Structures are given as structure tokens and as C-alpha cells.
Protein backbone atom coordinates (compact mmCIF):
# COMPACT_ATOMS: atom_id res chain seq x y z
CA MET A 1 -12.56 0.90 -65.67
CA SER A 2 -14.37 -0.13 -68.59
CA GLU A 3 -17.10 -2.29 -70.10
CA PHE A 4 -17.11 -4.60 -73.24
CA ASP A 5 -19.89 -4.60 -75.71
CA THR A 6 -20.30 -6.45 -78.90
CA LYS A 7 -21.76 -3.41 -80.96
CA PRO A 8 -19.13 -0.66 -81.34
CA TRP A 9 -20.51 2.48 -79.53
CA TRP A 10 -19.49 4.85 -82.63
CA GLU A 11 -21.84 2.94 -85.07
CA ALA A 12 -24.42 5.42 -86.20
CA PRO A 13 -27.93 3.93 -86.81
CA ALA A 14 -29.59 4.29 -90.07
CA PRO A 15 -32.15 7.16 -90.40
CA LYS A 16 -35.78 5.86 -89.93
CA GLY A 17 -37.41 4.74 -93.12
CA MET A 18 -34.14 4.41 -95.06
CA ASN A 19 -33.47 1.43 -97.10
CA ARG A 20 -30.23 0.00 -95.72
CA SER A 21 -29.36 -1.91 -99.10
CA ILE A 22 -28.15 -0.19 -102.11
CA SER A 23 -28.30 -2.10 -105.35
CA LEU A 24 -25.26 -2.92 -107.47
CA LYS A 25 -26.39 -0.41 -110.23
CA ASN A 26 -27.14 2.36 -107.77
CA ALA A 27 -23.83 1.87 -105.92
CA ILE A 28 -22.12 2.30 -109.41
CA ILE A 29 -24.08 5.35 -110.12
CA LEU A 30 -23.18 6.64 -106.62
CA ALA A 31 -19.39 5.94 -107.27
CA LEU A 32 -19.56 7.49 -110.70
CA SER A 33 -21.28 10.50 -109.43
CA ALA A 34 -18.44 10.90 -106.81
CA GLY A 35 -15.97 10.81 -109.76
CA LEU A 36 -17.84 13.58 -111.61
CA VAL A 37 -17.68 15.76 -108.58
CA ALA A 38 -14.11 14.98 -108.13
CA GLY A 39 -13.25 15.85 -111.92
CA THR A 40 -15.32 19.11 -111.58
CA PHE A 41 -13.05 20.72 -108.55
CA THR A 42 -9.49 19.26 -109.85
CA ALA A 43 -6.94 20.51 -112.63
CA SER A 44 -3.50 19.41 -113.72
CA SER A 45 -2.53 15.81 -114.70
CA THR A 46 -4.13 14.90 -117.97
CA GLY A 47 -6.63 12.18 -118.00
CA SER A 48 -9.78 10.69 -119.63
CA LEU A 49 -13.46 10.50 -118.30
CA PHE A 50 -16.20 9.70 -120.72
CA GLY A 51 -14.29 11.22 -123.49
CA ARG A 52 -13.75 14.42 -121.93
CA SER A 53 -10.22 15.60 -120.92
CA VAL A 54 -9.50 16.31 -117.24
CA ASN A 55 -6.57 17.46 -115.18
CA LEU A 56 -6.14 16.42 -111.72
CA VAL A 57 -4.08 18.62 -109.25
CA LYS A 58 -1.08 17.12 -107.53
CA THR A 59 0.38 18.84 -104.73
CA SER A 60 3.95 18.65 -103.17
CA SER A 61 3.15 20.82 -100.03
CA THR A 62 4.27 19.15 -96.64
CA ILE A 63 3.24 19.87 -93.29
CA GLU A 64 5.87 20.78 -91.02
CA ARG A 65 5.84 19.36 -87.34
CA PRO A 66 8.45 21.26 -85.57
CA VAL A 67 10.38 19.93 -82.53
CA GLY A 68 8.09 20.45 -79.43
CA SER A 69 4.86 20.44 -81.38
CA VAL A 70 2.04 18.45 -80.11
CA ALA A 71 2.41 16.19 -83.03
CA GLU A 72 6.27 15.84 -82.91
CA ILE A 73 5.87 15.06 -79.10
CA SER A 74 3.07 12.31 -79.53
CA GLN A 75 5.16 10.46 -82.26
CA ARG A 76 8.02 10.46 -80.03
CA VAL A 77 6.16 9.55 -76.91
CA LEU A 78 3.42 7.10 -78.32
CA PRO A 79 5.84 4.06 -78.72
CA SER A 80 6.32 3.75 -74.83
CA VAL A 81 2.71 3.94 -73.97
CA VAL A 82 0.89 0.67 -73.55
CA SER A 83 -2.68 -0.49 -73.20
CA ILE A 84 -3.30 -3.19 -70.37
CA GLU A 85 -5.83 -5.74 -70.06
CA ALA A 86 -6.48 -7.65 -66.78
CA THR A 87 -8.80 -10.29 -66.61
CA SER A 88 -10.63 -11.23 -63.32
CA SER A 89 -13.37 -13.40 -62.08
CA ASN A 90 -15.62 -10.33 -62.72
CA GLY A 91 -14.74 -9.96 -66.33
CA GLY A 92 -11.97 -7.45 -66.55
CA SER A 93 -10.78 -4.00 -66.99
CA THR A 94 -8.50 -1.97 -69.36
CA GLY A 95 -5.88 0.75 -68.49
CA SER A 96 -2.90 2.40 -69.69
CA GLY A 97 1.04 2.28 -68.49
CA PHE A 98 4.32 3.34 -69.78
CA VAL A 99 7.68 2.29 -69.91
CA ILE A 100 10.17 3.32 -67.18
CA ASP A 101 12.98 1.10 -67.94
CA SER A 102 14.13 -0.47 -71.22
CA THR A 103 14.41 -4.03 -69.51
CA GLY A 104 10.54 -4.26 -69.49
CA TYR A 105 9.28 -2.43 -66.36
CA ILE A 106 6.04 -0.66 -66.66
CA LEU A 107 4.35 1.78 -64.34
CA THR A 108 0.46 1.75 -64.01
CA ASN A 109 -2.13 2.39 -61.37
CA ASN A 110 -2.78 -0.47 -58.92
CA HIS A 111 -6.56 0.07 -59.31
CA VAL A 112 -6.40 -1.25 -63.01
CA ILE A 113 -4.87 -4.54 -62.02
CA THR A 114 -6.42 -5.30 -58.59
CA SER A 115 -9.25 -7.39 -59.38
CA SER A 116 -7.07 -9.58 -61.55
CA VAL A 117 -4.49 -10.03 -58.88
CA GLU A 118 -6.90 -10.73 -56.16
CA SER A 119 -8.82 -13.35 -58.29
CA GLY A 120 -5.75 -14.70 -59.91
CA GLY A 121 -6.61 -13.40 -63.69
CA GLU A 122 -4.18 -12.84 -66.20
CA ILE A 123 -2.71 -9.26 -67.01
CA SER A 124 -1.68 -8.62 -70.75
CA VAL A 125 0.35 -5.50 -72.22
CA ARG A 126 -0.24 -4.27 -75.76
CA LEU A 127 2.43 -2.12 -77.19
CA ASN A 128 1.53 0.69 -79.68
CA ASP A 129 2.67 -1.48 -82.72
CA GLY A 130 0.08 -4.00 -81.67
CA SER A 131 2.27 -6.72 -80.23
CA GLN A 132 1.07 -8.32 -76.96
CA TYR A 133 2.82 -9.57 -74.06
CA SER A 134 1.98 -11.47 -70.83
CA ALA A 135 2.89 -9.33 -67.89
CA LYS A 136 3.92 -10.34 -64.10
CA VAL A 137 3.28 -7.97 -61.30
CA VAL A 138 6.44 -6.80 -59.53
CA GLY A 139 4.78 -4.93 -56.98
CA ARG A 140 1.81 -2.74 -56.29
CA ASP A 141 0.77 -0.20 -53.58
CA SER A 142 -2.64 0.83 -52.84
CA SER A 143 -1.69 3.82 -50.62
CA TYR A 144 -0.50 5.76 -53.62
CA ASP A 145 -2.51 3.77 -56.37
CA LEU A 146 0.59 2.39 -58.48
CA ALA A 147 1.82 -0.63 -59.67
CA VAL A 148 4.92 -1.75 -61.57
CA LEU A 149 4.66 -4.72 -64.30
CA LYS A 150 7.40 -6.57 -66.16
CA ILE A 151 7.40 -7.99 -69.74
CA SER A 152 10.13 -9.81 -71.49
CA GLY A 153 11.02 -10.30 -75.14
CA ALA A 154 10.24 -6.68 -76.28
CA THR A 155 12.39 -4.15 -77.69
CA LEU A 156 11.29 -0.97 -75.57
CA LYS A 157 12.46 2.56 -74.92
CA ALA A 158 11.81 4.31 -71.67
CA LEU A 159 10.22 7.58 -71.31
CA GLN A 160 12.07 10.63 -69.59
CA PHE A 161 11.01 11.65 -66.08
CA GLY A 162 10.55 15.37 -65.52
CA ASP A 163 10.32 17.32 -62.54
CA SER A 164 6.78 17.65 -61.11
CA ASP A 165 7.89 20.17 -58.49
CA LYS A 166 8.61 22.68 -61.16
CA VAL A 167 5.31 22.46 -62.94
CA ALA A 168 3.43 25.67 -62.90
CA VAL A 169 -0.37 26.32 -63.26
CA GLY A 170 -0.87 27.17 -66.86
CA ASP A 171 1.65 24.82 -68.16
CA SER A 172 0.77 22.92 -71.40
CA VAL A 173 0.45 19.12 -71.04
CA ILE A 174 -0.50 16.07 -73.15
CA ALA A 175 -2.28 13.07 -71.64
CA ILE A 176 -1.57 9.67 -73.46
CA GLY A 177 -3.55 6.25 -73.21
CA SER A 178 -6.27 3.96 -74.14
CA PRO A 179 -9.75 5.57 -72.98
CA LEU A 180 -12.45 3.37 -73.64
CA GLY A 181 -9.88 0.88 -75.31
CA LEU A 182 -8.99 3.26 -77.85
CA THR A 183 -5.56 2.73 -77.66
CA GLY A 184 -2.53 5.48 -78.61
CA THR A 185 -5.17 8.61 -77.86
CA VAL A 186 -3.83 11.72 -77.51
CA THR A 187 -5.49 14.73 -75.72
CA LEU A 188 -4.22 18.34 -74.98
CA GLY A 189 -4.60 20.45 -71.98
CA ILE A 190 -3.09 22.51 -69.24
CA ILE A 191 -2.30 22.21 -65.61
CA SER A 192 -5.24 23.69 -63.82
CA ALA A 193 -4.04 23.30 -60.15
CA LYS A 194 -1.54 21.82 -58.04
CA ASP A 195 -1.44 19.94 -54.74
CA ARG A 196 -5.02 18.77 -55.04
CA ALA A 197 -6.14 16.32 -52.26
CA VAL A 198 -7.80 13.39 -54.09
CA THR A 199 -9.10 10.63 -52.52
CA ALA A 200 -9.70 7.44 -54.73
CA GLY A 201 -10.94 4.17 -54.23
CA GLU A 202 -13.21 1.31 -55.07
CA PRO A 203 -15.59 -0.24 -52.69
CA GLN A 204 -14.42 -2.58 -50.24
CA SER A 205 -10.72 -1.71 -51.11
CA GLU A 206 -8.31 0.66 -49.29
CA ASN A 207 -8.49 4.25 -50.40
CA SER A 208 -5.67 6.03 -52.12
CA PHE A 209 -4.64 9.68 -51.22
CA ILE A 210 -3.30 11.45 -54.04
CA ASN A 211 -1.40 14.88 -53.85
CA ALA A 212 -2.60 15.38 -57.19
CA LEU A 213 -1.73 17.57 -60.42
CA GLN A 214 -5.07 18.72 -61.82
CA THR A 215 -5.53 19.06 -65.69
CA ASP A 216 -8.25 19.62 -68.11
CA ALA A 217 -6.73 17.41 -70.73
CA ALA A 218 -9.51 14.86 -71.56
CA ILE A 219 -9.12 11.90 -69.44
CA ASN A 220 -11.84 9.03 -69.39
CA PRO A 221 -12.04 5.38 -68.10
CA GLY A 222 -8.93 3.44 -69.64
CA ASN A 223 -6.77 6.54 -69.54
CA SER A 224 -5.67 5.20 -65.86
CA GLY A 225 -1.89 4.49 -65.49
CA GLY A 226 -1.06 6.31 -68.66
CA PRO A 227 1.59 9.36 -68.68
CA LEU A 228 0.87 12.94 -68.53
CA VAL A 229 3.85 14.65 -70.32
CA ASP A 230 5.07 18.27 -70.33
CA ALA A 231 5.96 20.41 -73.55
CA THR A 232 9.26 18.50 -73.67
CA GLY A 233 7.71 15.33 -73.70
CA SER A 234 8.91 14.45 -70.16
CA VAL A 235 6.67 12.61 -68.00
CA ILE A 236 5.38 14.88 -65.24
CA GLY A 237 2.42 12.71 -63.89
CA VAL A 238 0.40 9.52 -63.98
CA ASN A 239 -3.20 9.64 -64.94
CA SER A 240 -5.11 8.36 -62.16
CA ALA A 241 -8.66 9.82 -61.48
CA ILE A 242 -11.40 12.17 -62.90
CA ALA A 243 -14.02 13.93 -61.53
CA SER A 244 -17.70 13.38 -62.60
CA LEU A 245 -21.27 14.84 -62.11
CA GLY A 246 -22.52 11.46 -61.07
CA TYR A 247 -22.80 7.74 -61.93
CA SER A 248 -25.44 5.54 -62.66
CA ALA A 249 -25.45 1.71 -62.79
CA GLY A 250 -24.45 0.41 -66.31
CA SER A 251 -23.14 3.71 -67.29
CA GLN A 252 -19.64 5.12 -67.73
CA VAL A 253 -18.61 8.40 -66.34
CA GLY A 254 -16.73 10.68 -68.74
CA SER A 255 -14.46 13.65 -68.77
CA ILE A 256 -15.59 16.99 -67.77
CA GLY A 257 -12.26 18.59 -67.73
CA LEU A 258 -11.21 17.55 -64.18
CA GLY A 259 -8.55 14.83 -64.49
CA PHE A 260 -5.96 14.29 -61.62
CA ALA A 261 -2.69 12.82 -62.07
CA ILE A 262 -0.08 11.47 -59.43
CA PRO A 263 3.01 13.69 -59.70
CA ILE A 264 5.87 11.94 -61.09
CA ASN A 265 8.53 12.76 -58.54
CA GLN A 266 6.33 10.67 -55.94
CA ALA A 267 5.38 7.86 -58.54
CA ARG A 268 9.26 7.39 -59.31
CA LYS A 269 9.94 6.99 -55.37
CA THR A 270 7.35 4.46 -55.23
CA ALA A 271 8.22 2.58 -58.43
CA GLU A 272 11.94 2.36 -57.17
CA GLN A 273 10.78 0.79 -54.08
CA LEU A 274 8.31 -1.41 -55.75
CA ILE A 275 11.25 -2.74 -58.11
CA LYS A 276 13.54 -3.06 -55.37
CA ASN A 277 11.59 -4.53 -52.74
CA GLY A 278 8.20 -5.59 -54.01
CA LYS A 279 6.30 -3.19 -51.80
CA ALA A 280 6.52 0.59 -50.73
CA THR A 281 6.42 2.62 -47.42
CA TYR A 282 5.15 5.96 -47.07
CA PRO A 283 6.11 8.59 -44.34
CA VAL A 284 3.77 8.93 -41.08
CA ILE A 285 3.67 11.18 -38.16
CA GLY A 286 2.10 8.55 -35.82
CA ILE A 287 -1.69 9.96 -35.52
CA SER A 288 -5.22 8.84 -36.23
CA VAL A 289 -7.40 11.68 -37.48
CA GLU A 290 -11.17 12.00 -37.78
CA MET A 291 -12.24 11.82 -41.25
CA ALA A 292 -15.75 13.53 -40.80
CA PHE A 293 -14.16 16.40 -39.07
CA ASN A 294 -15.06 19.53 -41.15
CA GLU A 295 -14.56 22.69 -38.95
CA GLY A 296 -11.31 23.25 -40.58
CA GLY A 297 -7.83 21.65 -40.10
CA ALA A 298 -7.15 17.75 -39.09
CA LEU A 299 -8.72 16.67 -35.74
CA ILE A 300 -6.47 13.91 -33.99
CA THR A 301 -8.80 11.51 -32.57
CA LYS A 302 -9.63 12.05 -29.09
CA THR A 303 -8.97 8.61 -27.61
CA ALA A 304 -5.70 6.86 -26.57
CA GLN A 305 -5.41 5.49 -30.02
CA GLY A 306 -5.20 9.19 -31.58
CA ILE A 307 -1.57 9.37 -30.97
CA THR A 308 0.69 6.39 -31.49
CA LYS A 309 3.18 5.93 -28.39
CA GLY A 310 6.65 6.57 -29.29
CA GLY A 311 5.67 7.98 -32.62
CA PRO A 312 6.86 11.36 -34.04
CA ALA A 313 3.90 13.25 -32.89
CA ASP A 314 4.14 11.80 -29.36
CA LYS A 315 7.78 12.66 -29.40
CA ALA A 316 6.89 16.24 -30.32
CA GLY A 317 4.60 16.69 -27.39
CA MET A 318 1.02 16.52 -29.57
CA LYS A 319 -1.95 15.14 -27.90
CA PRO A 320 -5.24 13.64 -28.82
CA GLY A 321 -7.86 16.25 -29.57
CA ASP A 322 -5.18 18.82 -31.04
CA VAL A 323 -6.39 20.24 -34.56
CA ILE A 324 -3.53 20.45 -37.15
CA ILE A 325 -3.95 23.58 -39.35
CA GLU A 326 -0.54 23.73 -41.02
CA PHE A 327 2.00 21.26 -42.36
CA ALA A 328 5.43 21.93 -43.86
CA GLY A 329 4.18 25.53 -44.59
CA ARG A 330 1.18 24.29 -46.16
CA PRO A 331 -2.32 25.18 -44.76
CA ILE A 332 -4.50 22.37 -43.78
CA GLY A 333 -8.14 22.36 -44.02
CA SER A 334 -9.30 18.76 -43.70
CA ALA A 335 -8.08 15.35 -43.10
CA ASP A 336 -7.51 14.45 -46.47
CA GLU A 337 -5.39 17.35 -46.91
CA LEU A 338 -3.12 16.31 -44.08
CA ILE A 339 -2.86 12.82 -45.18
CA VAL A 340 -1.65 14.00 -48.77
CA ALA A 341 0.74 16.63 -47.36
CA ILE A 342 2.31 14.08 -45.25
CA ARG A 343 2.82 11.42 -48.16
CA ALA A 344 4.22 14.18 -50.39
CA GLN A 345 7.23 14.20 -47.95
CA ASN A 346 10.04 11.69 -47.59
CA ILE A 347 10.97 9.47 -44.51
CA GLY A 348 13.28 11.14 -42.40
CA ASP A 349 12.15 14.65 -43.42
CA LYS A 350 12.19 17.34 -40.60
CA VAL A 351 8.99 19.31 -40.90
CA GLU A 352 7.26 21.85 -38.85
CA VAL A 353 3.60 21.48 -37.69
CA ILE A 354 1.25 24.24 -36.40
CA TYR A 355 -1.81 23.26 -34.49
CA LYS A 356 -4.44 24.23 -32.09
CA ARG A 357 -5.07 22.76 -28.68
CA GLY A 358 -8.40 24.63 -27.56
CA ALA A 359 -7.84 28.31 -28.50
CA VAL A 360 -4.16 28.31 -28.18
CA SER A 361 -1.97 27.82 -31.36
CA LYS A 362 1.37 25.84 -31.04
CA SER A 363 4.10 24.46 -33.14
CA ALA A 364 6.26 21.54 -33.23
CA THR A 365 9.03 19.98 -35.24
CA ILE A 366 8.45 16.51 -36.23
CA ILE A 367 10.68 13.86 -37.92
CA LEU A 368 8.71 11.52 -40.48
CA ALA A 369 8.97 7.87 -39.72
CA ALA A 370 8.20 4.92 -42.06
CA SER A 371 4.90 3.18 -42.31
CA GLU A 372 4.71 -0.34 -40.85
């Protein structure tokens, strides 16, 4: 997610032709000049400067940060947000995460740690107070792009989960994480859209299909795995992906106001499975779809492998070549949209599917099964 450079990216170059060295005499003159300017604009407390009497203003005013303000929420949530460093044979990656259980369980994105796990690297977690701990992987799932880590020996406070099903477009949200390694960064925005079918994945790895919350809160490389919280400070999503205008070798993509988060209701179910079993399952209907089909709907592959024998779709009477146009009341315009719509449900749910067989519309009731 991020690259390391020995020179800070925020270091400003010296103006052309300017001598970068300042003599001690000039430095003293500069400092004294600053003092004179300060004396010009202050009054109150009595003092002396070059024999002249000056008064310095002392203010006792305070800034109020009421409950529910961005500052108050940030101060409350930040101690439970962590920075993650994962080393691998290719170098390393950084990301974010947050405490979901005070015994040391931390939720993050699978893509933050994938390279490290596959190459036998080390994963460390840095808390907001600067303390650092070695982390072990409890479980991870590429289908939902989620992973659970565990650290020991730290005093932790878990964040409160919200209800992502009740989120409305326009709700205020706050994204917290470590973009470009800058820990404890807070950005403000709104929910821009819901139920976005987002496909994320790295080359030579399995894609993750996210039924995402879209936000304009600034999300950048390194924010992955951090929490998206609502106006009460409750977590409603896991920041996972951004849309960009392009990518060139050696350069980082940045926020253009199109960020995506995994809804916390889905993330919570997956995290519970990972903690309990070390792996997670997801609902399926027993079909294969043509990812390149772009004529509206999701086309079931026109081969014998299009329908899994004895699977939910087969039992409901569906056949290869059928085009699914609605799933559980949700319009389907592509294969991606069908996949995320299915994975947004629960194993065992009974849903209605509307599909076309040629020019004829049909419907079927399907009971979702567990993935193998």
C-alpha cells in the first residue's frame, strides 16, 4: 500500500539562488526582530525589552468541544485505532486497523497483510500512544478482504459497532487511520452512496467483492483497515479501497473523494467466524456467471458447469443461460452486482430471484447455501 523513502515528502526545497546557511549574527537579528514584532502586537503583563516597557496579553478563553463534535469523537476513538506494518520479501506494506475486543483482537484488511503472510514476514502493530507489539494472524478471508490479528500485553479499549444497515446517504462520517504512514489521521465526510459493487484485488490474487459504503472522506494508501465511524463514534465500516484516475509505475494513487468501506454488519460476521474458526464462509446459490457479460443482468454460464448439481439454483429450476435481473429485491445490472448482493445475505436466508430465460421472465425462491 505504501512505499518508503528516506527523504520526507513534505520537505520543501530551498528557493533557487538562496543561501541555505544563516550566520549566528543574522540568526540573532532574526530572532530579535521577531521579538520586536511580537511586542508591537501585545499588551497586558508588564515586562522590559531594550529598556522599554511592554505588556503581554494573557488570555484565559477555552475552546469548547461538545459531545458529538468531530474533535470529541476523534479523541474518544483514536486510542483504539492502530497502525500496522507488515514486512515481506518484497519490502513491506503499511495499513490501519482497530480494536474489536479488549483482549487484543484487531480487525484490518486482508490485503494489508497478504504479502507478509505468504512470504513468512513479520507483522507489528503500533498503538496510538506509540507503543509497538508483535501480532499474529488469527484468520483472514480474501473473499471479503478482512483479517483478524491478535496482540498480547496491551491495555486496549474496543470500539463500539454501529448498524450499517441503518446508514443513510448524507450521514456525516469520520475516517481514521494512517495514510502514507501518518498515524492518527482524521478526515471528515459524508456517506455518498450505499450498496456499491466494488471489486478489489491485487494481481495474481483472488478478488474481493465488496457491497460497499461510498464516502467522500479522504482515504489514501495506508488508510486500509481503519474504521469509518458515524456521528456517535460507532464503527459503521472498514475503509478498504479508493477509486483513482489512473496509476503509473513508481507513483501512489491519492484520494479524489471516492472511498469505499466494507459495511460493519458484514465485517462483524466475518470477524466472528475468523476468531472462532480461523476461516470464514459466505453464502452461494450454486452458479457460475460470465463476468464479461454487459447486456444487463448476470448471465449464468452456458455450460454444464453453469449450474452446480444439487445446489440452490438447481433445486429452484434455474438453467445455464438464464439471466438474473433481480436478487432479494435488488436490481442486478452485472455479475459483480449479483456477487455482492449474494454475499450481503446470510447462509440459510430464503430470497426471491427474478431472471429471464430468453424473452420470458421467471421467478424462483432460493435458500442460500454455505461456500465450500
